[in-house]
């Protein structure tokens, strides 16, 4: 299971992205039941990619995150490599397709 880094300010989010070449941001709200179910599956999936660091952002606490990443709904999942967005998935994520995308990108950057 992938370690989860709680990011509670926009500054923490920016530092997380600067300090981790491969960053996966998970943005949710506590009242979102879909968010809780997806987070467990996401942590399990990311456990297969040791270079990807998972950061969690509560959109209720870090409201500026919506503007920074153009977010209109939760949950949102963003794979960032060198602070650039490579994958964006929303609440209707298909984990089989997400895994294929991650495999392709991860293989391309880690060979």
N, C-alpha and C. Protein backbone atom coordinates (compact mmCIF):
# COMPACT_ATOMS: atom_id res chain seq x y z
N UNK A 1 0.86 -1.18 0.00
CA UNK A 1 0.00 0.00 0.00
C UNK A 1 0.90 1.23 0.00
N UNK A 2 0.62 2.13 -0.89
CA UNK A 2 1.41 3.35 -1.05
C UNK A 2 1.25 4.28 0.14
N UNK A 3 2.38 4.85 0.60
CA UNK A 3 2.36 5.84 1.68
C UNK A 3 1.62 7.08 1.20
N UNK A 4 0.82 7.64 2.08
CA UNK A 4 0.00 8.81 1.75
C UNK A 4 0.56 10.04 2.46
N UNK A 5 0.90 11.06 1.69
CA UNK A 5 1.39 12.33 2.23
C UNK A 5 0.22 13.31 2.28
N UNK A 6 -0.15 13.75 3.46
CA UNK A 6 -1.24 14.73 3.60
C UNK A 6 -0.68 16.12 3.32
N UNK A 7 -1.26 16.81 2.36
CA UNK A 7 -0.82 18.14 1.97
C UNK A 7 -1.91 19.12 2.37
N UNK A 8 -1.63 19.95 3.36
CA UNK A 8 -2.67 20.78 3.97
C UNK A 8 -2.61 22.26 3.61
N UNK A 9 -1.65 22.64 2.80
CA UNK A 9 -1.56 24.02 2.32
C UNK A 9 -1.09 23.99 0.87
N UNK A 10 -1.35 25.06 0.16
CA UNK A 10 -0.89 25.15 -1.23
C UNK A 10 0.63 25.14 -1.28
N UNK A 11 1.27 25.74 -0.31
CA UNK A 11 2.74 25.72 -0.24
C UNK A 11 3.26 24.29 -0.10
N UNK A 12 2.59 23.47 0.73
CA UNK A 12 2.99 22.06 0.86
C UNK A 12 2.82 21.31 -0.46
N UNK A 13 1.76 21.61 -1.19
CA UNK A 13 1.53 20.98 -2.49
C UNK A 13 2.66 21.35 -3.44
N UNK A 14 3.01 22.62 -3.50
CA UNK A 14 4.07 23.07 -4.39
C UNK A 14 5.42 22.45 -4.02
N UNK A 15 5.72 22.36 -2.73
CA UNK A 15 6.97 21.73 -2.29
C UNK A 15 6.98 20.24 -2.61
N UNK A 16 5.83 19.58 -2.44
CA UNK A 16 5.72 18.16 -2.76
C UNK A 16 6.03 17.93 -4.24
N UNK A 17 5.48 18.76 -5.09
CA UNK A 17 5.73 18.63 -6.53
C UNK A 17 7.18 18.93 -6.88
N UNK A 18 7.78 19.91 -6.22
CA UNK A 18 9.18 20.26 -6.47
C UNK A 18 10.12 19.15 -6.01
N UNK A 19 9.79 18.50 -4.90
CA UNK A 19 10.69 17.51 -4.29
C UNK A 19 10.53 16.10 -4.82
N UNK A 20 9.49 15.84 -5.60
CA UNK A 20 9.24 14.49 -6.12
C UNK A 20 9.06 14.55 -7.63
N UNK A 21 9.99 13.94 -8.35
CA UNK A 21 9.90 13.93 -9.81
C UNK A 21 8.57 13.31 -10.27
N UNK A 22 8.19 12.19 -9.64
CA UNK A 22 6.93 11.51 -9.96
C UNK A 22 5.97 11.74 -8.80
N UNK A 23 4.96 12.57 -9.01
CA UNK A 23 3.98 12.91 -7.97
C UNK A 23 2.59 12.54 -8.46
N UNK A 24 1.83 11.94 -7.58
CA UNK A 24 0.44 11.63 -7.89
C UNK A 24 -0.41 12.36 -6.86
N UNK A 25 -1.21 13.31 -7.30
CA UNK A 25 -2.05 14.08 -6.40
C UNK A 25 -3.46 13.51 -6.41
N UNK A 26 -3.99 13.30 -5.22
CA UNK A 26 -5.37 12.83 -5.06
C UNK A 26 -6.12 13.92 -4.31
N UNK A 27 -7.10 14.52 -4.97
CA UNK A 27 -7.84 15.64 -4.40
C UNK A 27 -9.26 15.18 -4.12
N UNK A 28 -9.70 15.36 -2.87
CA UNK A 28 -11.01 14.86 -2.47
C UNK A 28 -11.62 15.79 -1.42
N UNK A 29 -12.80 15.41 -0.98
CA UNK A 29 -13.49 16.09 0.11
C UNK A 29 -13.97 15.01 1.09
N UNK A 30 -13.98 15.30 2.40
CA UNK A 30 -14.37 14.29 3.38
C UNK A 30 -15.80 13.78 3.22
N UNK A 31 -16.70 14.61 2.73
CA UNK A 31 -18.10 14.21 2.60
C UNK A 31 -18.38 13.38 1.34
N UNK A 32 -17.37 13.13 0.54
CA UNK A 32 -17.52 12.40 -0.73
C UNK A 32 -17.30 10.90 -0.50
N UNK A 33 -18.36 10.12 -0.57
CA UNK A 33 -18.24 8.67 -0.33
C UNK A 33 -17.45 7.99 -1.45
N UNK A 34 -17.60 8.46 -2.67
CA UNK A 34 -16.83 7.91 -3.79
C UNK A 34 -15.34 8.10 -3.55
N UNK A 35 -14.98 9.25 -2.99
CA UNK A 35 -13.57 9.56 -2.73
C UNK A 35 -12.92 8.53 -1.81
N UNK A 36 -13.62 8.11 -0.78
CA UNK A 36 -13.06 7.15 0.18
C UNK A 36 -12.82 5.80 -0.48
N UNK A 37 -13.75 5.35 -1.29
CA UNK A 37 -13.61 4.05 -1.96
C UNK A 37 -12.46 4.06 -2.96
N UNK A 38 -12.34 5.14 -3.71
CA UNK A 38 -11.30 5.22 -4.74
C UNK A 38 -9.91 5.32 -4.11
N UNK A 39 -9.79 6.03 -3.01
CA UNK A 39 -8.47 6.22 -2.39
C UNK A 39 -7.84 4.88 -2.02
N UNK A 40 -8.61 3.98 -1.46
CA UNK A 40 -8.07 2.67 -1.09
C UNK A 40 -7.51 1.95 -2.32
N UNK A 41 -8.30 1.91 -3.40
CA UNK A 41 -7.86 1.24 -4.63
C UNK A 41 -6.65 1.93 -5.25
N UNK A 42 -6.63 3.25 -5.17
CA UNK A 42 -5.51 4.01 -5.73
C UNK A 42 -4.22 3.71 -4.97
N UNK A 43 -4.29 3.69 -3.65
CA UNK A 43 -3.09 3.39 -2.85
C UNK A 43 -2.57 2.00 -3.16
N UNK A 44 -3.47 1.07 -3.34
CA UNK A 44 -3.08 -0.30 -3.69
C UNK A 44 -2.40 -0.34 -5.06
N UNK A 45 -2.97 0.34 -6.03
CA UNK A 45 -2.40 0.40 -7.39
C UNK A 45 -1.02 1.04 -7.39
N UNK A 46 -0.88 2.18 -6.73
CA UNK A 46 0.39 2.90 -6.74
C UNK A 46 1.50 2.17 -5.99
N UNK A 47 1.15 1.20 -5.20
CA UNK A 47 2.15 0.37 -4.53
C UNK A 47 3.05 -0.36 -5.51
N UNK A 48 2.61 -0.51 -6.76
CA UNK A 48 3.39 -1.19 -7.80
C UNK A 48 4.38 -0.26 -8.49
N UNK A 49 4.37 1.00 -8.14
CA UNK A 49 5.23 2.00 -8.79
C UNK A 49 6.03 2.73 -7.71
N UNK A 50 7.16 2.17 -7.32
CA UNK A 50 7.90 2.71 -6.16
C UNK A 50 8.41 4.15 -6.31
N UNK A 51 8.55 4.65 -7.52
CA UNK A 51 9.05 6.01 -7.69
C UNK A 51 7.95 7.07 -7.63
N UNK A 52 6.70 6.64 -7.67
CA UNK A 52 5.58 7.60 -7.63
C UNK A 52 5.19 7.87 -6.18
N UNK A 53 5.17 9.13 -5.81
CA UNK A 53 4.81 9.56 -4.45
C UNK A 53 3.38 10.09 -4.47
N UNK A 54 2.59 9.63 -3.51
CA UNK A 54 1.17 9.99 -3.45
C UNK A 54 0.92 11.09 -2.44
N UNK A 55 0.30 12.16 -2.91
CA UNK A 55 -0.08 13.26 -2.04
C UNK A 55 -1.59 13.42 -2.03
N UNK A 56 -2.15 13.59 -0.84
CA UNK A 56 -3.60 13.77 -0.69
C UNK A 56 -3.90 15.20 -0.29
N UNK A 57 -4.88 15.79 -0.96
CA UNK A 57 -5.29 17.16 -0.67
C UNK A 57 -6.79 17.16 -0.38
N UNK A 58 -7.15 17.67 0.78
CA UNK A 58 -8.56 17.88 1.13
C UNK A 58 -8.96 19.23 0.54
N UNK A 59 -9.83 19.20 -0.47
CA UNK A 59 -10.23 20.43 -1.16
C UNK A 59 -10.98 21.39 -0.25
N UNK A 60 -11.53 20.91 0.86
CA UNK A 60 -12.18 21.80 1.82
C UNK A 60 -11.14 22.62 2.59
N UNK A 61 -9.98 22.03 2.84
CA UNK A 61 -8.93 22.72 3.60
C UNK A 61 -8.04 23.58 2.70
N UNK A 62 -7.81 23.13 1.50
CA UNK A 62 -6.92 23.83 0.56
C UNK A 62 -7.78 24.26 -0.64
N UNK A 63 -8.60 25.26 -0.42
CA UNK A 63 -9.55 25.68 -1.45
C UNK A 63 -8.87 26.20 -2.71
N UNK A 64 -7.67 26.75 -2.58
CA UNK A 64 -6.94 27.31 -3.73
C UNK A 64 -6.56 26.23 -4.74
N UNK A 65 -6.58 24.97 -4.33
CA UNK A 65 -6.18 23.88 -5.21
C UNK A 65 -7.11 23.79 -6.42
N UNK A 66 -8.37 24.14 -6.25
CA UNK A 66 -9.32 24.10 -7.37
C UNK A 66 -8.90 25.05 -8.48
N UNK A 67 -8.47 26.23 -8.11
CA UNK A 67 -8.03 27.21 -9.10
C UNK A 67 -6.70 26.80 -9.73
N UNK A 68 -5.77 26.35 -8.91
CA UNK A 68 -4.43 26.01 -9.40
C UNK A 68 -4.47 24.88 -10.44
N UNK A 69 -5.33 23.86 -10.20
CA UNK A 69 -5.37 22.71 -11.09
C UNK A 69 -6.65 22.62 -11.92
N UNK A 70 -7.45 23.68 -11.94
CA UNK A 70 -8.70 23.72 -12.71
C UNK A 70 -9.60 22.52 -12.38
N UNK A 71 -10.00 22.45 -11.14
CA UNK A 71 -10.80 21.34 -10.65
C UNK A 71 -12.24 21.80 -10.41
N UNK A 72 -13.18 21.01 -10.95
CA UNK A 72 -14.59 21.34 -10.81
C UNK A 72 -15.36 20.29 -10.02
N UNK A 73 -14.77 19.12 -9.83
CA UNK A 73 -15.43 18.05 -9.10
C UNK A 73 -14.36 17.23 -8.37
N UNK A 74 -14.79 16.41 -7.44
CA UNK A 74 -13.87 15.50 -6.75
C UNK A 74 -14.46 14.10 -6.83
N UNK A 75 -13.64 13.08 -6.73
CA UNK A 75 -12.19 13.13 -6.65
C UNK A 75 -11.55 13.41 -8.00
N UNK A 76 -10.35 13.94 -7.92
CA UNK A 76 -9.50 14.16 -9.09
C UNK A 76 -8.14 13.52 -8.78
N UNK A 77 -7.60 12.84 -9.77
CA UNK A 77 -6.29 12.22 -9.65
C UNK A 77 -5.39 12.78 -10.74
N UNK A 78 -4.23 13.27 -10.34
CA UNK A 78 -3.29 13.88 -11.28
C UNK A 78 -1.92 13.25 -11.15
N UNK A 79 -1.40 12.70 -12.23
CA UNK A 79 -0.01 12.25 -12.25
C UNK A 79 0.81 13.40 -12.79
N UNK A 80 1.77 13.84 -11.99
CA UNK A 80 2.65 14.94 -12.36
C UNK A 80 4.08 14.40 -12.46
N UNK A 81 4.75 14.74 -13.54
CA UNK A 81 6.15 14.39 -13.70
C UNK A 81 6.90 15.69 -13.94
N UNK A 82 7.86 15.95 -13.08
CA UNK A 82 8.59 17.22 -13.13
C UNK A 82 7.63 18.41 -13.17
N UNK A 83 6.59 18.33 -12.36
CA UNK A 83 5.60 19.38 -12.16
C UNK A 83 4.70 19.61 -13.37
N UNK A 84 4.68 18.67 -14.33
CA UNK A 84 3.81 18.77 -15.49
C UNK A 84 2.77 17.65 -15.41
N UNK A 85 1.55 17.98 -15.78
CA UNK A 85 0.46 17.01 -15.72
C UNK A 85 0.54 16.03 -16.88
N UNK A 86 0.51 14.72 -16.54
CA UNK A 86 0.54 13.67 -17.56
C UNK A 86 -0.75 12.87 -17.60
N UNK A 87 -1.39 12.70 -16.45
CA UNK A 87 -2.65 11.96 -16.39
C UNK A 87 -3.61 12.74 -15.51
N UNK A 88 -4.87 12.81 -15.95
CA UNK A 88 -5.95 13.41 -15.15
C UNK A 88 -7.12 12.44 -15.22
N UNK A 89 -7.56 11.99 -14.07
CA UNK A 89 -8.74 11.12 -13.98
C UNK A 89 -9.70 11.73 -12.97
N UNK A 90 -10.98 11.53 -13.22
CA UNK A 90 -11.97 12.06 -12.29
C UNK A 90 -12.72 10.93 -11.60
N UNK A 91 -13.84 11.25 -11.02
CA UNK A 91 -14.57 10.31 -10.17
C UNK A 91 -14.98 9.03 -10.86
N UNK A 92 -15.04 8.99 -12.17
CA UNK A 92 -15.46 7.79 -12.88
C UNK A 92 -14.25 7.04 -13.45
N UNK A 93 -13.22 6.92 -12.66
CA UNK A 93 -11.97 6.30 -13.09
C UNK A 93 -12.16 4.80 -13.32
N UNK A 94 -11.55 4.34 -14.40
CA UNK A 94 -11.50 2.90 -14.68
C UNK A 94 -10.07 2.48 -14.38
N UNK A 95 -9.91 1.72 -13.33
CA UNK A 95 -8.58 1.38 -12.85
C UNK A 95 -7.79 0.55 -13.83
N UNK A 96 -8.43 -0.26 -14.65
CA UNK A 96 -7.68 -1.03 -15.65
C UNK A 96 -7.05 -0.10 -16.68
N UNK A 97 -7.78 0.93 -17.11
CA UNK A 97 -7.23 1.90 -18.05
C UNK A 97 -6.17 2.77 -17.40
N UNK A 98 -6.39 3.15 -16.14
CA UNK A 98 -5.39 3.94 -15.42
C UNK A 98 -4.09 3.16 -15.29
N UNK A 99 -4.18 1.87 -14.98
CA UNK A 99 -2.98 1.04 -14.85
C UNK A 99 -2.21 0.97 -16.17
N UNK A 100 -2.91 0.84 -17.28
CA UNK A 100 -2.24 0.80 -18.59
C UNK A 100 -1.50 2.11 -18.87
N UNK A 101 -2.16 3.23 -18.57
CA UNK A 101 -1.51 4.53 -18.76
C UNK A 101 -0.28 4.66 -17.87
N UNK A 102 -0.43 4.27 -16.61
CA UNK A 102 0.70 4.35 -15.68
C UNK A 102 1.85 3.47 -16.14
N UNK A 103 1.54 2.24 -16.58
CA UNK A 103 2.58 1.33 -17.06
C UNK A 103 3.36 1.95 -18.21
N UNK A 104 2.66 2.53 -19.18
CA UNK A 104 3.32 3.13 -20.34
C UNK A 104 4.24 4.28 -19.93
N UNK A 105 3.71 5.19 -19.14
CA UNK A 105 4.49 6.36 -18.74
C UNK A 105 5.65 5.96 -17.83
N UNK A 106 5.38 5.09 -16.87
CA UNK A 106 6.40 4.66 -15.92
C UNK A 106 7.54 3.96 -16.65
N UNK A 107 7.21 3.07 -17.58
CA UNK A 107 8.24 2.37 -18.36
C UNK A 107 9.07 3.33 -19.19
N UNK A 108 8.39 4.31 -19.79
CA UNK A 108 9.08 5.29 -20.63
C UNK A 108 10.11 6.11 -19.82
N UNK A 109 9.76 6.46 -18.59
CA UNK A 109 10.62 7.33 -17.80
C UNK A 109 11.62 6.59 -16.92
N UNK A 110 11.42 5.30 -16.71
CA UNK A 110 12.29 4.60 -15.76
C UNK A 110 13.20 3.56 -16.42
N UNK A 111 13.20 3.47 -17.71
CA UNK A 111 14.08 2.49 -18.38
C UNK A 111 15.51 2.86 -18.29
